[in-house]
Amino acid sequence: MHETVVEMLARNTEHAEKPDARFDDIQNTQFPDAVTICCSDSRVLQDDMWGNDVPGEIFTVGNIGNRVTQPTSMGHLVSGDVMFPLWNTDTKVAVVVGHTGCGAVTTAFQYLTEDVIQPRGVKYCLEQLKPHLKEALDVLPEDELSDVAAINHLVEYNVDHQVSRLVESEDVPEDVTVVGAVYDFQDVYSDQRGKVHVINVDGETDVATLQDENPDIADRIGRLWEYGRTLTAEQT
């Protein structure tokens, strides 16, 4: 057996040695409080970022680029792995989580600006990011930004796009709250690596409005880019 799997199984032994009672009420059912749609990047700790080690609380969905839809013969539909908890487990919160330095957004950016060779499966995923990221490039203040900074702006734009897909979908129940956030481990938003920053709530992206409407988490709300102007570090 590959050494990596052996090490993973050893860590699983520690996990399994925790009290069995964690599963008592959820062995046959689940009612998670939220569904999170995160990038599947290995640096994004989908449960740990929320301090969660309780089974049954968060329904986690992961893919490159934290995408919420899939192309079908009927057009783009919210993917089944996102819709399942919203329809079947009475989950009322969906959180789209992008992250600084996103590899999928970086590769899509390169795909739009230069020749990039990728396997067909990866290319298929990038094709779903390309259209809206191309739109973003047309309004991005690119002369003022390095490629690294531009990519982190596009991370926000991608989160906003995914949130809008959920908000505008007829399949998503109206009473579901949709939040867009960025997980930062590159000291872009603050010096606290791993901190989650809220950038969008139900399609609203104006920072001042979001802070006024959510005073209890006002210090967790901030953006790098409000379309039309680039924010300084002090403003985020």
Protein backbone atom coordinates (compact mmCIF):
# COMPACT_ATOMS: atom_id res chain seq x y z
CA MET A 1 0.00 0.00 0.00
CA HIS A 2 1.25 3.50 -0.79
CA GLU A 3 2.74 5.20 2.27
CA THR A 4 0.31 8.11 1.91
CA VAL A 5 -2.69 5.82 2.33
CA VAL A 6 -1.08 4.15 5.34
CA GLU A 7 -0.60 7.55 6.98
CA MET A 8 -4.17 8.56 6.15
CA LEU A 9 -5.51 5.39 7.73
CA ALA A 10 -3.44 6.04 10.85
CA ARG A 11 -5.02 9.49 11.17
CA ASN A 12 -8.44 7.91 10.57
CA THR A 13 -7.81 5.64 13.56
CA GLU A 14 -7.52 8.76 15.72
CA HIS A 15 -10.74 10.07 14.18
CA ALA A 16 -12.61 6.81 14.81
CA GLU A 17 -11.42 6.65 18.43
CA LYS A 18 -13.45 9.75 19.27
CA PRO A 19 -16.76 9.10 21.09
CA ASP A 20 -19.26 7.06 19.05
CA ALA A 21 -22.09 9.22 20.39
CA ARG A 22 -21.31 11.82 17.71
CA PHE A 23 -23.31 9.69 15.29
CA ASP A 24 -26.15 8.61 17.56
CA ASP A 25 -28.74 11.06 16.24
CA ILE A 26 -27.64 11.06 12.61
CA GLN A 27 -26.92 7.47 11.72
CA ASN A 28 -30.05 7.30 9.58
CA THR A 29 -30.74 10.93 8.72
CA GLN A 30 -29.12 14.35 8.40
CA PHE A 31 -30.21 17.96 8.73
CA PRO A 32 -27.11 20.08 8.07
CA ASP A 33 -27.33 23.78 8.89
CA ALA A 34 -25.52 24.83 5.73
CA VAL A 35 -24.19 23.59 2.42
CA THR A 36 -20.78 24.96 1.51
CA ILE A 37 -19.52 25.01 -2.06
CA CYS A 38 -15.75 25.27 -1.84
CA CYS A 39 -12.86 24.95 -4.21
CA SER A 40 -11.39 21.47 -3.86
CA ASP A 41 -7.88 22.97 -3.53
CA SER A 42 -5.92 21.00 -0.92
CA ARG A 43 -5.21 24.20 1.02
CA VAL A 44 -8.93 24.86 1.60
CA LEU A 45 -9.94 23.09 4.81
CA GLN A 46 -13.64 22.77 4.18
CA ASP A 47 -14.78 21.81 7.69
CA ASP A 48 -11.86 23.03 9.73
CA MET A 49 -12.21 26.61 8.45
CA TRP A 50 -15.47 26.79 10.39
CA GLY A 51 -14.02 25.02 13.42
CA ASN A 52 -16.34 22.13 12.66
CA ASP A 53 -15.61 18.58 13.80
CA VAL A 54 -19.23 17.60 14.37
CA PRO A 55 -20.72 15.19 11.82
CA GLY A 56 -24.05 16.25 10.34
CA GLU A 57 -23.63 20.03 10.62
CA ILE A 58 -22.19 21.02 7.23
CA PHE A 59 -22.93 19.47 3.83
CA THR A 60 -19.68 19.99 1.91
CA VAL A 61 -19.41 20.26 -1.85
CA GLY A 62 -16.06 20.68 -3.53
CA ASN A 63 -14.85 21.19 -7.10
CA ILE A 64 -12.24 23.28 -8.86
CA GLY A 65 -13.45 26.86 -9.05
CA ASN A 66 -16.28 26.40 -6.47
CA ARG A 67 -18.85 26.05 -9.27
CA VAL A 68 -22.55 25.71 -8.42
CA THR A 69 -23.98 24.78 -11.81
CA GLN A 70 -23.53 22.13 -14.44
CA PRO A 71 -24.27 22.36 -18.17
CA THR A 72 -27.19 20.21 -19.33
CA SER A 73 -29.38 19.90 -22.40
CA MET A 74 -31.69 22.39 -20.65
CA GLY A 75 -28.94 24.90 -20.04
CA HIS A 76 -26.96 25.47 -16.87
CA LEU A 77 -28.71 24.05 -13.82
CA VAL A 78 -27.71 24.19 -10.18
CA SER A 79 -25.81 20.96 -9.67
CA GLY A 80 -27.41 18.09 -7.82
CA ASP A 81 -24.81 17.99 -5.07
CA VAL A 82 -25.78 21.56 -4.15
CA MET A 83 -29.51 21.07 -4.60
CA PHE A 84 -29.69 17.84 -2.60
CA PRO A 85 -29.43 19.42 0.88
CA LEU A 86 -31.54 22.43 -0.11
CA TRP A 87 -34.41 20.14 -1.14
CA ASN A 88 -33.96 17.04 0.98
CA THR A 89 -32.47 18.01 4.34
CA ASP A 90 -34.19 21.36 5.03
CA THR A 91 -30.92 23.25 4.74
CA LYS A 92 -31.51 27.02 4.59
CA VAL A 93 -28.01 28.39 4.02
CA ALA A 94 -25.68 28.04 1.03
CA VAL A 95 -22.17 29.45 1.26
CA VAL A 96 -19.99 29.78 -1.84
CA VAL A 97 -16.34 29.87 -0.75
CA GLY A 98 -13.60 31.02 -3.09
CA HIS A 99 -10.02 31.42 -1.95
CA THR A 100 -7.01 33.58 -2.59
CA GLY A 101 -4.58 32.26 -5.15
CA CYS A 102 -7.20 29.92 -6.64
CA GLY A 103 -5.55 27.54 -9.08
CA ALA A 104 -8.69 27.12 -11.18
CA VAL A 105 -9.14 30.88 -11.58
CA THR A 106 -5.41 31.26 -12.25
CA THR A 107 -5.49 28.62 -14.97
CA ALA A 108 -8.67 30.09 -16.47
CA PHE A 109 -6.97 33.50 -16.48
CA GLN A 110 -3.98 32.00 -18.29
CA TYR A 111 -6.35 30.17 -20.61
CA LEU A 112 -7.86 33.53 -21.59
CA THR A 113 -4.57 35.37 -22.00
CA GLU A 114 -2.20 32.73 -23.37
CA ASP A 115 -2.05 29.17 -24.66
CA VAL A 116 -2.53 26.60 -21.91
CA ILE A 117 -2.58 22.84 -22.34
CA GLN A 118 -4.74 20.91 -19.87
CA PRO A 119 -6.32 17.41 -19.79
CA ARG A 120 -9.82 17.25 -21.26
CA GLY A 121 -11.51 16.92 -17.88
CA VAL A 122 -9.79 20.02 -16.54
CA LYS A 123 -10.51 21.90 -19.75
CA TYR A 124 -14.20 21.02 -19.37
CA CYS A 125 -14.26 22.65 -15.93
CA LEU A 126 -12.32 25.70 -17.11
CA GLU A 127 -14.76 26.18 -19.98
CA GLN A 128 -17.45 26.76 -17.36
CA LEU A 129 -15.40 29.54 -15.76
CA LYS A 130 -14.18 31.22 -18.92
CA PRO A 131 -17.27 33.15 -20.07
CA HIS A 132 -17.84 35.21 -16.91
CA LEU A 133 -14.13 35.62 -16.20
CA LYS A 134 -13.69 36.95 -19.73
CA GLU A 135 -16.39 39.51 -18.95
CA ALA A 136 -14.48 40.44 -15.80
CA LEU A 137 -11.27 41.01 -17.74
CA ASP A 138 -13.06 43.66 -19.78
CA VAL A 139 -13.76 45.75 -16.66
CA LEU A 140 -10.79 44.78 -14.53
CA PRO A 141 -8.39 47.71 -13.89
CA GLU A 142 -5.61 45.57 -15.28
CA ASP A 143 -3.13 48.42 -15.80
CA GLU A 144 -3.13 49.00 -12.04
CA LEU A 145 -2.78 45.36 -10.99
CA SER A 146 -0.17 42.64 -11.10
CA ASP A 147 -1.31 39.26 -12.40
CA VAL A 148 -1.46 37.96 -8.81
CA ALA A 149 -3.69 40.85 -7.72
CA ALA A 150 -5.84 40.49 -10.84
CA ILE A 151 -6.41 36.81 -10.10
CA ASN A 152 -7.56 37.58 -6.55
CA HIS A 153 -9.98 40.16 -7.95
CA LEU A 154 -11.26 37.50 -10.33
CA VAL A 155 -11.71 35.14 -7.39
CA GLU A 156 -14.25 37.62 -6.00
CA TYR A 157 -15.89 38.00 -9.39
CA ASN A 158 -16.22 34.24 -9.69
CA VAL A 159 -17.80 33.97 -6.23
CA ASP A 160 -20.27 36.72 -7.17
CA HIS A 161 -21.15 34.87 -10.35
CA GLN A 162 -21.77 31.60 -8.52
CA VAL A 163 -23.93 33.40 -5.93
CA SER A 164 -25.99 34.98 -8.70
CA ARG A 165 -26.56 31.55 -10.24
CA LEU A 166 -28.06 30.36 -6.96
CA VAL A 167 -30.07 33.52 -6.28
CA GLU A 168 -31.55 33.56 -9.77
CA SER A 169 -32.30 29.84 -10.01
CA GLU A 170 -35.95 28.82 -9.91
CA ASP A 171 -34.87 25.54 -8.30
CA VAL A 172 -33.37 27.12 -5.17
CA PRO A 173 -36.07 27.73 -2.52
CA GLU A 174 -36.72 31.42 -1.88
CA ASP A 175 -36.06 31.14 1.86
CA VAL A 176 -32.46 29.99 1.34
CA THR A 177 -29.82 32.55 2.31
CA VAL A 178 -26.91 32.61 -0.15
CA VAL A 179 -23.56 33.93 1.04
CA GLY A 180 -20.38 34.50 -0.94
CA ALA A 181 -17.04 34.43 0.87
CA VAL A 182 -13.29 34.23 0.31
CA TYR A 183 -10.95 32.05 2.38
CA ASP A 184 -7.62 33.87 2.65
CA PHE A 185 -4.33 32.14 3.37
CA GLN A 186 -2.12 34.61 1.47
CA ASP A 187 -2.40 37.71 3.71
CA VAL A 188 -4.47 39.48 1.06
CA TYR A 189 -7.41 40.63 3.21
CA SER A 190 -5.73 40.58 6.60
CA ASP A 191 -2.76 39.11 8.45
CA GLN A 192 -4.89 36.26 9.82
CA ARG A 193 -4.29 33.33 7.51
CA GLY A 194 -7.33 31.09 7.11
CA LYS A 195 -9.84 33.84 7.90
CA VAL A 196 -13.10 33.84 5.93
CA HIS A 197 -14.22 37.20 4.54
CA VAL A 198 -17.84 37.76 3.49
CA ILE A 199 -18.15 39.57 0.15
CA ASN A 200 -21.72 38.90 -0.97
CA VAL A 201 -25.09 38.17 0.65
CA ASP A 202 -28.01 37.19 -1.59
CA GLY A 203 -26.43 39.07 -4.48
CA GLU A 204 -25.66 42.29 -2.60
CA THR A 205 -22.00 43.25 -3.01
CA ASP A 206 -21.85 46.81 -1.70
CA VAL A 207 -19.67 46.70 1.39
CA ALA A 208 -21.29 49.62 3.20
CA THR A 209 -24.76 48.20 2.61
CA LEU A 210 -23.73 44.74 3.78
CA GLN A 211 -22.13 46.14 6.92
CA ASP A 212 -25.22 48.21 7.71
CA GLU A 213 -27.49 45.20 7.20
CA ASN A 214 -25.23 42.85 9.18
CA PRO A 215 -23.72 44.90 12.02
CA ASP A 216 -22.88 41.81 14.07
CA ILE A 217 -20.34 40.69 11.46
CA ALA A 218 -19.43 44.08 9.99
CA ASP A 219 -15.74 43.48 10.66
CA ARG A 220 -15.87 40.27 8.61
CA ILE A 221 -17.23 41.99 5.50
CA GLY A 222 -14.86 43.42 2.93
CA ARG A 223 -13.90 43.25 -0.72
CA LEU A 224 -10.83 43.85 -2.82
CA TRP A 225 -12.96 44.97 -5.72
CA GLU A 226 -16.23 46.81 -5.90
CA TYR A 227 -16.79 47.04 -9.61
CA GLY A 228 -15.67 50.37 -10.94
CA ARG A 229 -13.01 50.93 -8.29
CA THR A 230 -10.29 48.96 -6.55
CA LEU A 231 -10.33 49.14 -2.76
CA THR A 232 -7.24 49.86 -0.74
CA ALA A 233 -6.16 47.59 2.06
CA GLU A 234 -7.53 50.11 4.59
CA GLN A 235 -10.98 49.93 2.95
CA THR A 236 -11.14 46.15 3.23
